PDB file of N, CA and C in Angstrom:
ATOM      1  N   UNK A   1     -48.963  23.800  -0.240  1.00  0.00           N
ATOM      2  CA  UNK A   1     -48.568  22.444   0.021  1.00  0.00           C
ATOM      3  C   UNK A   1     -47.078  22.294  -0.258  1.00  0.00           C
ATOM      4  N   UNK A   2     -46.350  21.773   0.738  1.00  0.00           N
ATOM      5  CA  UNK A   2     -44.907  21.599   0.589  1.00  0.00           C
ATOM      6  C   UNK A   2     -44.618  20.236  -0.038  1.00  0.00           C
ATOM      7  N   UNK A   3     -43.623  20.212  -0.892  1.00  0.00           N
ATOM      8  CA  UNK A   3     -43.195  18.962  -1.504  1.00  0.00           C
ATOM      9  C   UNK A   3     -42.098  18.329  -0.654  1.00  0.00           C
ATOM     10  N   UNK A   4     -42.200  17.027  -0.473  1.00  0.00           N
ATOM     11  CA  UNK A   4     -41.156  16.323   0.282  1.00  0.00           C
ATOM     12  C   UNK A   4     -39.957  16.099  -0.628  1.00  0.00           C
ATOM     13  N   UNK A   5     -38.784  16.081  -0.021  1.00  0.00           N
ATOM     14  CA  UNK A   5     -37.593  15.761  -0.801  1.00  0.00           C
ATOM     15  C   UNK A   5     -37.603  14.266  -1.118  1.00  0.00           C
ATOM     16  N   UNK A   6     -37.288  13.950  -2.335  1.00  0.00           N
ATOM     17  CA  UNK A   6     -37.231  12.545  -2.734  1.00  0.00           C
ATOM     18  C   UNK A   6     -35.940  11.922  -2.203  1.00  0.00           C
ATOM     19  N   UNK A   7     -35.988  10.670  -1.798  1.00  0.00           N
ATOM     20  CA  UNK A   7     -34.758  10.036  -1.304  1.00  0.00           C
ATOM     21  C   UNK A   7     -33.758   9.858  -2.439  1.00  0.00           C
ATOM     22  N   UNK A   8     -32.507   9.992  -2.108  1.00  0.00           N
ATOM     23  CA  UNK A   8     -31.454   9.800  -3.118  1.00  0.00           C
ATOM     24  C   UNK A   8     -31.181   8.311  -3.269  1.00  0.00           C
ATOM     25  N   UNK A   9     -31.024   7.903  -4.484  1.00  0.00           N
ATOM     26  CA  UNK A   9     -30.733   6.504  -4.740  1.00  0.00           C
ATOM     27  C   UNK A   9     -29.232   6.272  -4.658  1.00  0.00           C
ATOM     28  N   UNK A  10     -28.872   5.071  -4.247  1.00  0.00           N
ATOM     29  CA  UNK A  10     -27.455   4.718  -4.180  1.00  0.00           C
ATOM     30  C   UNK A  10     -26.930   4.566  -5.609  1.00  0.00           C
ATOM     31  N   UNK A  11     -25.647   4.839  -5.758  1.00  0.00           N
ATOM     32  CA  UNK A  11     -25.033   4.692  -7.075  1.00  0.00           C
ATOM     33  C   UNK A  11     -25.057   3.221  -7.470  1.00  0.00           C
ATOM     34  N   UNK A  12     -25.321   2.949  -8.717  1.00  0.00           N
ATOM     35  CA  UNK A  12     -25.378   1.575  -9.213  1.00  0.00           C
ATOM     36  C   UNK A  12     -23.967   0.990  -9.282  1.00  0.00           C
ATOM     37  N   UNK A  13     -23.872  -0.275  -8.919  1.00  0.00           N
ATOM     38  CA  UNK A  13     -22.605  -0.978  -9.002  1.00  0.00           C
ATOM     39  C   UNK A  13     -22.354  -1.315 -10.477  1.00  0.00           C
ATOM     40  N   UNK A  14     -21.435  -0.604 -11.107  1.00  0.00           N
ATOM     41  CA  UNK A  14     -21.193  -0.782 -12.537  1.00  0.00           C
ATOM     42  C   UNK A  14     -20.553  -2.128 -12.853  1.00  0.00           C
ATOM     43  N   UNK A  15     -19.901  -2.736 -11.860  1.00  0.00           N
ATOM     44  CA  UNK A  15     -19.282  -4.037 -12.088  1.00  0.00           C
ATOM     45  C   UNK A  15     -20.341  -5.109 -12.382  1.00  0.00           C
ATOM     46  N   UNK A  16     -21.535  -4.932 -11.851  1.00  0.00           N
ATOM     47  CA  UNK A  16     -22.620  -5.891 -12.082  1.00  0.00           C
ATOM     48  C   UNK A  16     -23.023  -5.902 -13.553  1.00  0.00           C
ATOM     49  N   UNK A  17     -22.877  -4.778 -14.219  1.00  0.00           N
ATOM     50  CA  UNK A  17     -23.285  -4.680 -15.621  1.00  0.00           C
ATOM     51  C   UNK A  17     -22.224  -5.210 -16.584  1.00  0.00           C
ATOM     52  N   UNK A  18     -21.074  -5.618 -16.076  1.00  0.00           N
ATOM     53  CA  UNK A  18     -19.984  -6.083 -16.933  1.00  0.00           C
ATOM     54  C   UNK A  18     -20.383  -7.387 -17.625  1.00  0.00           C
ATOM     55  N   UNK A  19     -20.254  -7.479 -18.944  1.00  0.00           N
ATOM     56  CA  UNK A  19     -20.741  -8.667 -19.665  1.00  0.00           C
ATOM     57  C   UNK A  19     -20.008  -9.957 -19.310  1.00  0.00           C
ATOM     58  N   UNK A  20     -18.743  -9.886 -18.900  1.00  0.00           N
ATOM     59  CA  UNK A  20     -18.023 -11.113 -18.570  1.00  0.00           C
ATOM     60  C   UNK A  20     -18.471 -11.721 -17.250  1.00  0.00           C
ATOM     61  N   UNK A  21     -19.182 -10.958 -16.439  1.00  0.00           N
ATOM     62  CA  UNK A  21     -19.652 -11.481 -15.162  1.00  0.00           C
ATOM     63  C   UNK A  21     -21.058 -12.058 -15.264  1.00  0.00           C
ATOM     64  N   UNK A  22     -21.659 -12.010 -16.441  1.00  0.00           N
ATOM     65  CA  UNK A  22     -22.988 -12.584 -16.636  1.00  0.00           C
ATOM     66  C   UNK A  22     -22.866 -14.064 -16.955  1.00  0.00           C
ATOM     67  N   UNK A  23     -23.993 -14.728 -17.033  1.00  0.00           N
ATOM     68  CA  UNK A  23     -24.008 -16.154 -17.322  1.00  0.00           C
ATOM     69  C   UNK A  23     -23.279 -16.429 -18.633  1.00  0.00           C
ATOM     70  N   UNK A  24     -22.413 -17.406 -18.598  1.00  0.00           N
ATOM     71  CA  UNK A  24     -21.640 -17.745 -19.784  1.00  0.00           C
ATOM     72  C   UNK A  24     -20.341 -16.976 -19.866  1.00  0.00           C
ATOM     73  N   UNK A  25     -20.044 -16.161 -18.881  1.00  0.00           N
ATOM     74  CA  UNK A  25     -18.827 -15.348 -18.886  1.00  0.00           C
ATOM     75  C   UNK A  25     -17.640 -16.094 -18.304  1.00  0.00           C
ATOM     76  N   UNK A  26     -16.706 -15.352 -17.791  1.00  0.00           N
ATOM     77  CA  UNK A  26     -15.457 -15.896 -17.273  1.00  0.00           C
ATOM     78  C   UNK A  26     -15.703 -16.855 -16.115  1.00  0.00           C
ATOM     79  N   UNK A  27     -16.587 -16.500 -15.202  1.00  0.00           N
ATOM     80  CA  UNK A  27     -16.763 -17.293 -14.001  1.00  0.00           C
ATOM     81  C   UNK A  27     -17.450 -18.623 -14.276  1.00  0.00           C
ATOM     82  N   UNK A  28     -18.306 -18.674 -15.283  1.00  0.00           N
ATOM     83  CA  UNK A  28     -18.980 -19.933 -15.586  1.00  0.00           C
ATOM     84  C   UNK A  28     -17.997 -20.925 -16.196  1.00  0.00           C
ATOM     85  N   UNK A  29     -17.025 -20.436 -16.970  1.00  0.00           N
ATOM     86  CA  UNK A  29     -16.047 -21.330 -17.584  1.00  0.00           C
ATOM     87  C   UNK A  29     -15.196 -21.999 -16.517  1.00  0.00           C
ATOM     88  N   UNK A  30     -14.973 -21.335 -15.408  1.00  0.00           N
ATOM     89  CA  UNK A  30     -14.140 -21.886 -14.345  1.00  0.00           C
ATOM     90  C   UNK A  30     -14.914 -22.853 -13.452  1.00  0.00           C
ATOM     91  N   UNK A  31     -16.220 -22.836 -13.516  1.00  0.00           N
ATOM     92  CA  UNK A  31     -17.035 -23.683 -12.661  1.00  0.00           C
ATOM     93  C   UNK A  31     -17.012 -25.115 -13.190  1.00  0.00           C
ATOM     94  N   UNK A  32     -16.490 -26.045 -12.400  1.00  0.00           N
ATOM     95  CA  UNK A  32     -16.314 -27.430 -12.841  1.00  0.00           C
ATOM     96  C   UNK A  32     -17.656 -28.116 -13.073  1.00  0.00           C
ATOM     97  N   UNK A  33     -18.602 -27.918 -12.155  1.00  0.00           N
ATOM     98  CA  UNK A  33     -19.904 -28.579 -12.300  1.00  0.00           C
ATOM     99  C   UNK A  33     -20.635 -28.101 -13.542  1.00  0.00           C
ATOM    100  N   UNK A  34     -20.568 -26.821 -13.810  1.00  0.00           N
ATOM    101  CA  UNK A  34     -21.236 -26.275 -14.987  1.00  0.00           C
ATOM    102  C   UNK A  34     -20.595 -26.814 -16.257  1.00  0.00           C
ATOM    103  N   UNK A  35     -19.271 -26.868 -16.286  1.00  0.00           N
ATOM    104  CA  UNK A  35     -18.566 -27.385 -17.459  1.00  0.00           C
ATOM    105  C   UNK A  35     -18.900 -28.868 -17.674  1.00  0.00           C
ATOM    106  N   UNK A  36     -19.006 -29.623 -16.574  1.00  0.00           N
ATOM    107  CA  UNK A  36     -19.340 -31.051 -16.675  1.00  0.00           C
ATOM    108  C   UNK A  36     -20.749 -31.237 -17.227  1.00  0.00           C
ATOM    109  N   UNK A  37     -21.698 -30.462 -16.722  1.00  0.00           N
ATOM    110  CA  UNK A  37     -23.076 -30.573 -17.215  1.00  0.00           C
ATOM    111  C   UNK A  37     -23.169 -30.157 -18.680  1.00  0.00           C
ATOM    112  N   UNK A  38     -22.416 -29.136 -19.061  1.00  0.00           N
ATOM    113  CA  UNK A  38     -22.423 -28.691 -20.457  1.00  0.00           C
ATOM    114  C   UNK A  38     -21.872 -29.796 -21.362  1.00  0.00           C
ATOM    115  N   UNK A  39     -20.804 -30.449 -20.918  1.00  0.00           N
ATOM    116  CA  UNK A  39     -20.214 -31.536 -21.699  1.00  0.00           C
ATOM    117  C   UNK A  39     -21.176 -32.722 -21.807  1.00  0.00           C
ATOM    118  N   UNK A  40     -21.848 -33.054 -20.718  1.00  0.00           N
ATOM    119  CA  UNK A  40     -22.823 -34.155 -20.744  1.00  0.00           C
ATOM    120  C   UNK A  40     -23.975 -33.843 -21.680  1.00  0.00           C
ATOM    121  N   UNK A  41     -24.458 -32.610 -21.647  1.00  0.00           N
ATOM    122  CA  UNK A  41     -25.559 -32.206 -22.526  1.00  0.00           C
ATOM    123  C   UNK A  41     -25.134 -32.312 -23.990  1.00  0.00           C
ATOM    124  N   UNK A  42     -23.909 -31.882 -24.291  1.00  0.00           N
ATOM    125  CA  UNK A  42     -23.394 -31.956 -25.657  1.00  0.00           C
ATOM    126  C   UNK A  42     -23.284 -33.408 -26.116  1.00  0.00           C
ATOM    127  N   UNK A  43     -22.809 -34.278 -25.210  1.00  0.00           N
ATOM    128  CA  UNK A  43     -22.669 -35.695 -25.542  1.00  0.00           C
ATOM    129  C   UNK A  43     -24.036 -36.347 -25.748  1.00  0.00           C
ATOM    130  N   UNK A  44     -25.012 -36.012 -24.913  1.00  0.00           N
ATOM    131  CA  UNK A  44     -26.362 -36.559 -25.068  1.00  0.00           C
ATOM    132  C   UNK A  44     -26.975 -36.138 -26.397  1.00  0.00           C
ATOM    133  N   UNK A  45     -26.750 -34.890 -26.778  1.00  0.00           N
ATOM    134  CA  UNK A  45     -27.265 -34.408 -28.055  1.00  0.00           C
ATOM    135  C   UNK A  45     -26.606 -35.148 -29.213  1.00  0.00           C
ATOM    136  N   UNK A  46     -25.288 -35.365 -29.111  1.00  0.00           N
ATOM    137  CA  UNK A  46     -24.573 -36.084 -30.166  1.00  0.00           C
ATOM    138  C   UNK A  46     -25.086 -37.524 -30.283  1.00  0.00           C
ATOM    139  N   UNK A  47     -25.311 -38.170 -29.147  1.00  0.00           N
ATOM    140  CA  UNK A  47     -25.807 -39.550 -29.181  1.00  0.00           C
ATOM    141  C   UNK A  47     -27.228 -39.627 -29.732  1.00  0.00           C
ATOM    142  N   UNK A  48     -28.039 -38.626 -29.427  1.00  0.00           N
ATOM    143  CA  UNK A  48     -29.410 -38.603 -29.929  1.00  0.00           C
ATOM    144  C   UNK A  48     -29.426 -38.439 -31.445  1.00  0.00           C
ATOM    145  N   UNK A  49     -28.453 -37.720 -31.995  1.00  0.00           N
ATOM    146  CA  UNK A  49     -28.422 -37.464 -33.436  1.00  0.00           C
ATOM    147  C   UNK A  49     -27.694 -38.556 -34.217  1.00  0.00           C
ATOM    148  N   UNK A  50     -27.163 -39.550 -33.507  1.00  0.00           N
ATOM    149  CA  UNK A  50     -26.431 -40.626 -34.183  1.00  0.00           C
ATOM    150  C   UNK A  50     -27.409 -41.558 -34.894  1.00  0.00           C
ATOM    151  N   UNK A  51     -27.092 -41.851 -36.146  1.00  0.00           N
ATOM    152  CA  UNK A  51     -27.862 -42.829 -36.887  1.00  0.00           C
ATOM    153  C   UNK A  51     -27.233 -44.185 -36.581  1.00  0.00           C
ATOM    154  N   UNK A  52     -27.860 -44.949 -35.712  1.00  0.00           N
ATOM    155  CA  UNK A  52     -27.249 -46.177 -35.223  1.00  0.00           C
ATOM    156  C   UNK A  52     -27.237 -47.269 -36.280  1.00  0.00           C
ATOM    157  N   UNK A  53     -28.060 -47.178 -37.322  1.00  0.00           N
ATOM    158  CA  UNK A  53     -28.044 -48.196 -38.369  1.00  0.00           C
ATOM    159  C   UNK A  53     -26.859 -47.996 -39.302  1.00  0.00           C
ATOM    160  N   UNK A  54     -26.461 -46.738 -39.527  1.00  0.00           N
ATOM    161  CA  UNK A  54     -25.329 -46.462 -40.396  1.00  0.00           C
ATOM    162  C   UNK A  54     -24.055 -46.205 -39.612  1.00  0.00           C
ATOM    163  N   UNK A  55     -24.177 -45.851 -38.337  1.00  0.00           N
ATOM    164  CA  UNK A  55     -23.018 -45.571 -37.512  1.00  0.00           C
ATOM    165  C   UNK A  55     -22.433 -44.177 -37.728  1.00  0.00           C
ATOM    166  N   UNK A  56     -23.223 -43.272 -38.280  1.00  0.00           N
ATOM    167  CA  UNK A  56     -22.754 -41.917 -38.522  1.00  0.00           C
ATOM    168  C   UNK A  56     -23.623 -40.928 -37.758  1.00  0.00           C
ATOM    169  N   UNK A  57     -23.086 -39.738 -37.574  1.00  0.00           N
ATOM    170  CA  UNK A  57     -23.865 -38.691 -36.941  1.00  0.00           C
ATOM    171  C   UNK A  57     -24.418 -37.778 -38.011  1.00  0.00           C
ATOM    172  N   UNK A  58     -25.596 -37.300 -37.809  1.00  0.00           N
ATOM    173  CA  UNK A  58     -26.210 -36.360 -38.768  1.00  0.00           C
ATOM    174  C   UNK A  58     -26.317 -35.001 -38.081  1.00  0.00           C
ATOM    175  N   UNK A  59     -25.422 -34.098 -38.429  1.00  0.00           N
ATOM    176  CA  UNK A  59     -25.423 -32.774 -37.803  1.00  0.00           C
ATOM    177  C   UNK A  59     -25.933 -31.732 -38.710  1.00  0.00           C
TER     178      UNK A  59
END
């Protein structure tokens, strides 16, 4: 019985594995919509943690 040759795999794109290109890296910081949503989420969290009777935030 003859064995078939296995297909050769393409070389992996090493740039894809670069940590700065993953979520939260360089490109996400430049994205205006993402930065706006992050700021809104931070503000909502701050408002939720505000003690409105004393007027202070509890972090």
